[in-house]
Amino acid sequence: MTVSVVIPTIKGREDLCEQTVAAFRATVPAGSLQIIIVKDRPCIGQAWNDGAEASDGEYVMLAADDVLPHPGWLEAAVLAADESYYPAPLITLVGGGVLSTGSMGGGWLLTGCADWAPVCSSQFPFISAYAWREIGPSLDIHYFADDYLAARARASGLIVAYREGYHLTHLEGVVGRSDVVSRSMTDRMEFEAALSESAVWAKHAGVA
């Protein structure tokens, strides 16, 4: 079993990225892990796409440079992917507490789901390389990139669901965040336009 972890990062977040890389290396055997660091892309969608294109693992995780995986994360995510699920992680905060147990999309985070409960979106997609070829690439957007991929996953027949053992701690890096806030409305419009124009989305919605 091999996994390619795509980690987008930008200048000024080197310390965060180093912590994230170290955590992935500590929780995945060396021969099973491919780390792909994608630097200074204008949005996370483009970074995820570029990283996924360079991946050669059996599975792909689309991560960020400020999330620390917990032991057992890979096994929980692989179990879900192998059963035709598209897992949403448990995301906790550094000081304790739950940030997310999946999402309803559009930044609406859920915090009390039962393990395997259906949700709408996964903030950090995990998918087999084969399934990625079916649902990718993402739109080149920052906001709603995760929601777009989750919609594509549902349309392809995968079940988006919360997976408790797929556990990440969010370091909540703030460097660069203000630079992308202005994208939110245009990204939303591009996301909605892609769904309304897509035959795949029509299939998911039950009208094709």
C-alpha atoms as a PDB file:
ATOM      1  CA  MET A   1       0.000   0.000   0.000  1.00  0.00           C
ATOM      2  CA  THR A   2       1.434   3.369  -1.026  1.00  0.00           C
ATOM      3  CA  VAL A   3       0.054   6.868  -0.535  1.00  0.00           C
ATOM      4  CA  SER A   4       0.990  10.169  -2.153  1.00  0.00           C
ATOM      5  CA  VAL A   5       0.396  13.141   0.132  1.00  0.00           C
ATOM      6  CA  VAL A   6       0.095  16.467  -1.680  1.00  0.00           C
ATOM      7  CA  ILE A   7       1.064  19.436   0.511  1.00  0.00           C
ATOM      8  CA  PRO A   8       0.497  22.915  -0.939  1.00  0.00           C
ATOM      9  CA  THR A   9       2.555  25.643   0.720  1.00  0.00           C
ATOM     10  CA  ILE A  10       3.666  29.226   0.210  1.00  0.00           C
ATOM     11  CA  LYS A  11       6.557  31.400   1.303  1.00  0.00           C
ATOM     12  CA  GLY A  12       6.431  32.251   4.992  1.00  0.00           C
ATOM     13  CA  ARG A  13       4.937  28.927   6.081  1.00  0.00           C
ATOM     14  CA  GLU A  14       8.153  26.892   6.090  1.00  0.00           C
ATOM     15  CA  ASP A  15       7.947  25.972   9.796  1.00  0.00           C
ATOM     16  CA  LEU A  16       4.367  24.766   9.430  1.00  0.00           C
ATOM     17  CA  CYS A  17       5.249  22.733   6.373  1.00  0.00           C
ATOM     18  CA  GLU A  18       8.201  21.094   8.139  1.00  0.00           C
ATOM     19  CA  GLN A  19       5.965  20.064  11.053  1.00  0.00           C
ATOM     20  CA  THR A  20       3.398  18.646   8.660  1.00  0.00           C
ATOM     21  CA  VAL A  21       5.941  16.674   6.637  1.00  0.00           C
ATOM     22  CA  ALA A  22       7.504  15.275   9.822  1.00  0.00           C
ATOM     23  CA  ALA A  23       4.100  14.153  11.090  1.00  0.00           C
ATOM     24  CA  PHE A  24       3.282  12.318   7.874  1.00  0.00           C
ATOM     25  CA  ARG A  25       6.674  10.632   7.899  1.00  0.00           C
ATOM     26  CA  ALA A  26       6.111   9.569  11.501  1.00  0.00           C
ATOM     27  CA  THR A  27       2.753   7.958  10.758  1.00  0.00           C
ATOM     28  CA  VAL A  28       3.425   6.220   7.423  1.00  0.00           C
ATOM     29  CA  PRO A  29       6.225   3.697   6.753  1.00  0.00           C
ATOM     30  CA  ALA A  30       8.971   5.250   4.622  1.00  0.00           C
ATOM     31  CA  GLY A  31       8.527   2.830   1.732  1.00  0.00           C
ATOM     32  CA  SER A  32       4.791   3.532   1.576  1.00  0.00           C
ATOM     33  CA  LEU A  33       4.878   7.335   1.520  1.00  0.00           C
ATOM     34  CA  GLN A  34       5.419   9.853  -1.262  1.00  0.00           C
ATOM     35  CA  ILE A  35       5.467  13.469  -0.083  1.00  0.00           C
ATOM     36  CA  ILE A  36       4.759  16.016  -2.822  1.00  0.00           C
ATOM     37  CA  ILE A  37       5.282  19.628  -1.761  1.00  0.00           C
ATOM     38  CA  VAL A  38       3.724  22.101  -4.189  1.00  0.00           C
ATOM     39  CA  LYS A  39       4.936  25.662  -3.692  1.00  0.00           C
ATOM     40  CA  ASP A  40       3.416  29.068  -4.351  1.00  0.00           C
ATOM     41  CA  ARG A  41       0.418  28.199  -6.491  1.00  0.00           C
ATOM     42  CA  PRO A  42      -2.310  30.861  -6.565  1.00  0.00           C
ATOM     43  CA  CYS A  43      -4.959  28.524  -5.158  1.00  0.00           C
ATOM     44  CA  ILE A  44      -5.286  25.180  -3.455  1.00  0.00           C
ATOM     45  CA  GLY A  45      -7.176  23.642  -6.369  1.00  0.00           C
ATOM     46  CA  GLN A  46      -4.262  24.205  -8.735  1.00  0.00           C
ATOM     47  CA  ALA A  47      -1.762  22.972  -6.141  1.00  0.00           C
ATOM     48  CA  TRP A  48      -3.771  19.804  -5.554  1.00  0.00           C
ATOM     49  CA  ASN A  49      -4.036  19.192  -9.292  1.00  0.00           C
ATOM     50  CA  ASP A  50      -0.317  19.670  -9.887  1.00  0.00           C
ATOM     51  CA  GLY A  51       0.552  17.426  -6.982  1.00  0.00           C
ATOM     52  CA  ALA A  52      -1.886  14.705  -7.969  1.00  0.00           C
ATOM     53  CA  GLU A  53      -0.521  14.742 -11.510  1.00  0.00           C
ATOM     54  CA  ALA A  54       2.959  14.039 -10.118  1.00  0.00           C
ATOM     55  CA  SER A  55       1.778  11.282  -7.759  1.00  0.00           C
ATOM     56  CA  ASP A  56       2.463   7.591  -8.175  1.00  0.00           C
ATOM     57  CA  GLY A  57       0.898   6.133  -5.010  1.00  0.00           C
ATOM     58  CA  GLU A  58      -2.043   3.751  -4.934  1.00  0.00           C
ATOM     59  CA  TYR A  59      -3.892   6.412  -2.941  1.00  0.00           C
ATOM     60  CA  VAL A  60      -3.766  10.201  -2.973  1.00  0.00           C
ATOM     61  CA  MET A  61      -4.363  12.515  -0.018  1.00  0.00           C
ATOM     62  CA  LEU A  62      -4.857  16.192  -0.785  1.00  0.00           C
ATOM     63  CA  ALA A  63      -3.559  17.912   2.317  1.00  0.00           C
ATOM     64  CA  ALA A  64      -2.384  21.337   3.509  1.00  0.00           C
ATOM     65  CA  ASP A  65       0.815  22.557   5.121  1.00  0.00           C
ATOM     66  CA  ASP A  66      -0.722  22.988   8.578  1.00  0.00           C
ATOM     67  CA  VAL A  67      -2.364  19.641   9.384  1.00  0.00           C
ATOM     68  CA  LEU A  68      -0.776  16.925  11.509  1.00  0.00           C
ATOM     69  CA  PRO A  69      -1.979  13.338  10.955  1.00  0.00           C
ATOM     70  CA  HIS A  70      -2.477  11.028  13.923  1.00  0.00           C
ATOM     71  CA  PRO A  71      -1.355   7.378  14.034  1.00  0.00           C
ATOM     72  CA  GLY A  72      -3.820   5.126  12.232  1.00  0.00           C
ATOM     73  CA  TRP A  73      -5.070   7.843   9.893  1.00  0.00           C
ATOM     74  CA  LEU A  74      -3.960   6.019   6.769  1.00  0.00           C
ATOM     75  CA  GLU A  75      -5.489   2.684   7.703  1.00  0.00           C
ATOM     76  CA  ALA A  76      -8.836   4.329   8.490  1.00  0.00           C
ATOM     77  CA  ALA A  77      -8.857   6.274   5.229  1.00  0.00           C
ATOM     78  CA  VAL A  78      -7.813   3.277   3.124  1.00  0.00           C
ATOM     79  CA  LEU A  79     -10.533   1.109   4.676  1.00  0.00           C
ATOM     80  CA  ALA A  80     -13.093   3.720   3.683  1.00  0.00           C
ATOM     81  CA  ALA A  81     -11.730   4.187   0.166  1.00  0.00           C
ATOM     82  CA  ASP A  82     -11.652   0.441  -0.438  1.00  0.00           C
ATOM     83  CA  GLU A  83     -15.347   0.247   0.493  1.00  0.00           C
ATOM     84  CA  SER A  84     -16.321   2.980  -1.997  1.00  0.00           C
ATOM     85  CA  TYR A  85     -16.373   5.760   0.573  1.00  0.00           C
ATOM     86  CA  TYR A  86     -14.834   9.213   0.229  1.00  0.00           C
ATOM     87  CA  PRO A  87     -13.762   9.904   3.812  1.00  0.00           C
ATOM     88  CA  ALA A  88     -14.019  13.192   5.683  1.00  0.00           C
ATOM     89  CA  PRO A  89     -11.535  13.458   8.548  1.00  0.00           C
ATOM     90  CA  LEU A  90     -11.891  14.224  12.222  1.00  0.00           C
ATOM     91  CA  ILE A  91     -10.137  17.586  12.562  1.00  0.00           C
ATOM     92  CA  THR A  92      -9.122  18.687  16.042  1.00  0.00           C
ATOM     93  CA  LEU A  93      -7.495  21.855  17.362  1.00  0.00           C
ATOM     94  CA  VAL A  94      -4.041  22.134  18.903  1.00  0.00           C
ATOM     95  CA  GLY A  95      -5.481  23.128  22.271  1.00  0.00           C
ATOM     96  CA  GLY A  96      -8.104  20.397  22.180  1.00  0.00           C
ATOM     97  CA  GLY A  97     -11.641  20.318  20.912  1.00  0.00           C
ATOM     98  CA  VAL A  98     -13.222  19.283  17.649  1.00  0.00           C
ATOM     99  CA  LEU A  99     -13.068  21.619  14.673  1.00  0.00           C
ATOM    100  CA  SER A 100     -14.852  19.347  12.212  1.00  0.00           C
ATOM    101  CA  THR A 101     -16.337  15.904  11.656  1.00  0.00           C
ATOM    102  CA  GLY A 102     -17.042  16.639   8.016  1.00  0.00           C
ATOM    103  CA  SER A 103     -18.794  19.477   6.265  1.00  0.00           C
ATOM    104  CA  MET A 104     -22.098  20.355   4.698  1.00  0.00           C
ATOM    105  CA  GLY A 105     -20.131  22.388   2.152  1.00  0.00           C
ATOM    106  CA  GLY A 106     -19.518  26.098   1.824  1.00  0.00           C
ATOM    107  CA  GLY A 107     -17.598  26.246   5.099  1.00  0.00           C
ATOM    108  CA  TRP A 108     -20.504  24.838   7.155  1.00  0.00           C
ATOM    109  CA  LEU A 109     -18.582  22.525   9.492  1.00  0.00           C
ATOM    110  CA  LEU A 110     -20.148  19.645  11.390  1.00  0.00           C
ATOM    111  CA  THR A 111     -18.821  18.763  14.834  1.00  0.00           C
ATOM    112  CA  GLY A 112     -20.851  15.842  16.150  1.00  0.00           C
ATOM    113  CA  CYS A 113     -21.161  13.150  13.480  1.00  0.00           C
ATOM    114  CA  ALA A 114     -21.064   9.449  14.241  1.00  0.00           C
ATOM    115  CA  ASP A 115     -18.384   7.382  12.536  1.00  0.00           C
ATOM    116  CA  TRP A 116     -19.388   6.564   8.920  1.00  0.00           C
ATOM    117  CA  ALA A 117     -22.199   9.159   8.959  1.00  0.00           C
ATOM    118  CA  PRO A 118     -22.882  10.651   5.492  1.00  0.00           C
ATOM    119  CA  VAL A 119     -21.711  14.244   5.053  1.00  0.00           C
ATOM    120  CA  CYS A 120     -21.500  16.530   2.012  1.00  0.00           C
ATOM    121  CA  SER A 121     -17.811  17.335   1.795  1.00  0.00           C
ATOM    122  CA  SER A 122     -14.325  16.369   2.974  1.00  0.00           C
ATOM    123  CA  GLN A 123     -11.908  19.228   3.622  1.00  0.00           C
ATOM    124  CA  PHE A 124      -8.933  16.981   2.882  1.00  0.00           C
ATOM    125  CA  PRO A 125      -9.822  14.512   0.135  1.00  0.00           C
ATOM    126  CA  PHE A 126      -8.464  10.974   0.289  1.00  0.00           C
ATOM    127  CA  ILE A 127      -9.037   8.774  -2.732  1.00  0.00           C
ATOM    128  CA  SER A 128      -7.570   5.901  -4.691  1.00  0.00           C
ATOM    129  CA  ALA A 129      -5.446   6.842  -7.679  1.00  0.00           C
ATOM    130  CA  TYR A 130      -7.976   5.074  -9.894  1.00  0.00           C
ATOM    131  CA  ALA A 131     -10.892   7.067  -8.447  1.00  0.00           C
ATOM    132  CA  TRP A 132      -8.954  10.314  -8.813  1.00  0.00           C
ATOM    133  CA  ARG A 133      -8.766   9.704 -12.531  1.00  0.00           C
ATOM    134  CA  GLU A 134     -12.565   9.510 -12.492  1.00  0.00           C
ATOM    135  CA  ILE A 135     -13.333  12.623 -10.418  1.00  0.00           C
ATOM    136  CA  GLY A 136     -10.315  14.922 -10.907  1.00  0.00           C
ATOM    137  CA  PRO A 137      -9.032  17.411 -11.581  1.00  0.00           C
ATOM    138  CA  SER A 138     -10.275  20.090  -9.231  1.00  0.00           C
ATOM    139  CA  LEU A 139     -11.285  23.484 -10.479  1.00  0.00           C
ATOM    140  CA  ASP A 140      -8.461  26.030 -10.186  1.00  0.00           C
ATOM    141  CA  ILE A 141     -10.115  27.733  -7.219  1.00  0.00           C
ATOM    142  CA  HIS A 142      -9.231  28.172  -3.563  1.00  0.00           C
ATOM    143  CA  TYR A 143     -12.581  28.249  -1.819  1.00  0.00           C
ATOM    144  CA  PHE A 144     -14.983  25.409  -2.699  1.00  0.00           C
ATOM    145  CA  ALA A 145     -12.278  23.209  -4.274  1.00  0.00           C
ATOM    146  CA  ASP A 146     -13.043  20.543  -1.659  1.00  0.00           C
ATOM    147  CA  ASP A 147     -16.793  20.899  -2.242  1.00  0.00           C
ATOM    148  CA  TYR A 148     -16.370  20.518  -5.993  1.00  0.00           C
ATOM    149  CA  LEU A 149     -14.352  17.318  -5.634  1.00  0.00           C
ATOM    150  CA  ALA A 150     -16.865  15.920  -3.137  1.00  0.00           C
ATOM    151  CA  ALA A 151     -19.694  16.594  -5.603  1.00  0.00           C
ATOM    152  CA  ARG A 152     -17.711  14.816  -8.308  1.00  0.00           C
ATOM    153  CA  ALA A 153     -17.095  11.929  -5.920  1.00  0.00           C
ATOM    154  CA  ARG A 154     -20.794  11.562  -5.151  1.00  0.00           C
ATOM    155  CA  ALA A 155     -21.605  11.698  -8.842  1.00  0.00           C
ATOM    156  CA  SER A 156     -19.176   8.853  -9.488  1.00  0.00           C
ATOM    157  CA  GLY A 157     -20.944   6.680  -6.911  1.00  0.00           C
ATOM    158  CA  LEU A 158     -18.712   7.213  -3.875  1.00  0.00           C
ATOM    159  CA  ILE A 159     -20.278   7.840  -0.470  1.00  0.00           C
ATOM    160  CA  VAL A 160     -18.942  10.925   1.286  1.00  0.00           C
ATOM    161  CA  ALA A 161     -18.821  10.043   4.982  1.00  0.00           C
ATOM    162  CA  TYR A 162     -17.086  11.009   8.220  1.00  0.00           C
ATOM    163  CA  ARG A 163     -14.290   8.656   9.335  1.00  0.00           C
ATOM    164  CA  GLU A 164     -13.285   9.023  12.949  1.00  0.00           C
ATOM    165  CA  GLY A 165      -9.897   7.310  12.620  1.00  0.00           C
ATOM    166  CA  TYR A 166      -8.901   9.594   9.743  1.00  0.00           C
ATOM    167  CA  HIS A 167      -7.684  12.119  12.305  1.00  0.00           C
ATOM    168  CA  LEU A 168      -5.823  15.383  11.711  1.00  0.00           C
ATOM    169  CA  THR A 169      -4.882  18.268  14.000  1.00  0.00           C
ATOM    170  CA  HIS A 170      -5.124  21.698  12.393  1.00  0.00           C
ATOM    171  CA  LEU A 171      -2.318  24.123  13.246  1.00  0.00           C
ATOM    172  CA  GLU A 172      -4.364  27.019  11.821  1.00  0.00           C
ATOM    173  CA  GLY A 173      -1.619  28.814   9.941  1.00  0.00           C
ATOM    174  CA  VAL A 174      -2.588  32.390   9.108  1.00  0.00           C
ATOM    175  CA  VAL A 175       0.238  33.483   6.790  1.00  0.00           C
ATOM    176  CA  GLY A 176      -1.202  34.125   3.340  1.00  0.00           C
ATOM    177  CA  ARG A 177      -4.823  33.690   4.381  1.00  0.00           C
ATOM    178  CA  SER A 178      -5.756  37.321   3.854  1.00  0.00           C
ATOM    179  CA  ASP A 179      -4.367  37.156   0.318  1.00  0.00           C
ATOM    180  CA  VAL A 180      -7.046  34.706  -0.800  1.00  0.00           C
ATOM    181  CA  VAL A 181     -10.088  36.114   1.003  1.00  0.00           C
ATOM    182  CA  SER A 182     -10.908  38.337  -1.972  1.00  0.00           C
ATOM    183  CA  ARG A 183     -11.317  35.182  -4.102  1.00  0.00           C
ATOM    184  CA  SER A 184     -14.262  33.803  -2.140  1.00  0.00           C
ATOM    185  CA  MET A 185     -17.114  35.221  -4.226  1.00  0.00           C
ATOM    186  CA  THR A 186     -15.538  34.605  -7.638  1.00  0.00           C
ATOM    187  CA  ASP A 187     -14.553  31.088  -6.564  1.00  0.00           C
ATOM    188  CA  ARG A 188     -18.132  30.437  -5.442  1.00  0.00           C
ATOM    189  CA  MET A 189     -19.480  31.639  -8.780  1.00  0.00           C
ATOM    190  CA  GLU A 190     -17.050  29.427 -10.700  1.00  0.00           C
ATOM    191  CA  PHE A 191     -17.939  26.454  -8.494  1.00  0.00           C
ATOM    192  CA  GLU A 192     -21.677  26.930  -8.993  1.00  0.00           C
ATOM    193  CA  ALA A 193     -21.276  27.465 -12.716  1.00  0.00           C
ATOM    194  CA  ALA A 194     -19.270  24.261 -13.053  1.00  0.00           C
ATOM    195  CA  LEU A 195     -21.964  22.290 -11.261  1.00  0.00           C
ATOM    196  CA  SER A 196     -24.812  23.740 -13.276  1.00  0.00           C
ATOM    197  CA  GLU A 197     -23.032  23.062 -16.565  1.00  0.00           C
ATOM    198  CA  SER A 198     -21.714  19.605 -15.739  1.00  0.00           C
ATOM    199  CA  ALA A 199     -23.396  16.455 -16.999  1.00  0.00           C
ATOM    200  CA  VAL A 200     -21.750  14.674 -14.068  1.00  0.00           C
ATOM    201  CA  TRP A 201     -23.494  17.000 -11.650  1.00  0.00           C
ATOM    202  CA  ALA A 202     -26.795  16.449 -13.436  1.00  0.00           C
ATOM    203  CA  LYS A 203     -26.325  12.724 -12.927  1.00  0.00           C
ATOM    204  CA  HIS A 204     -25.661  13.279  -9.222  1.00  0.00           C
ATOM    205  CA  ALA A 205     -28.755  15.456  -8.945  1.00  0.00           C
ATOM    206  CA  GLY A 206     -30.873  12.747 -10.544  1.00  0.00           C
ATOM    207  CA  VAL A 207     -31.855  14.681 -13.658  1.00  0.00           C
ATOM    208  CA  ALA A 208     -29.738  12.865 -16.234  1.00  0.00           C
END
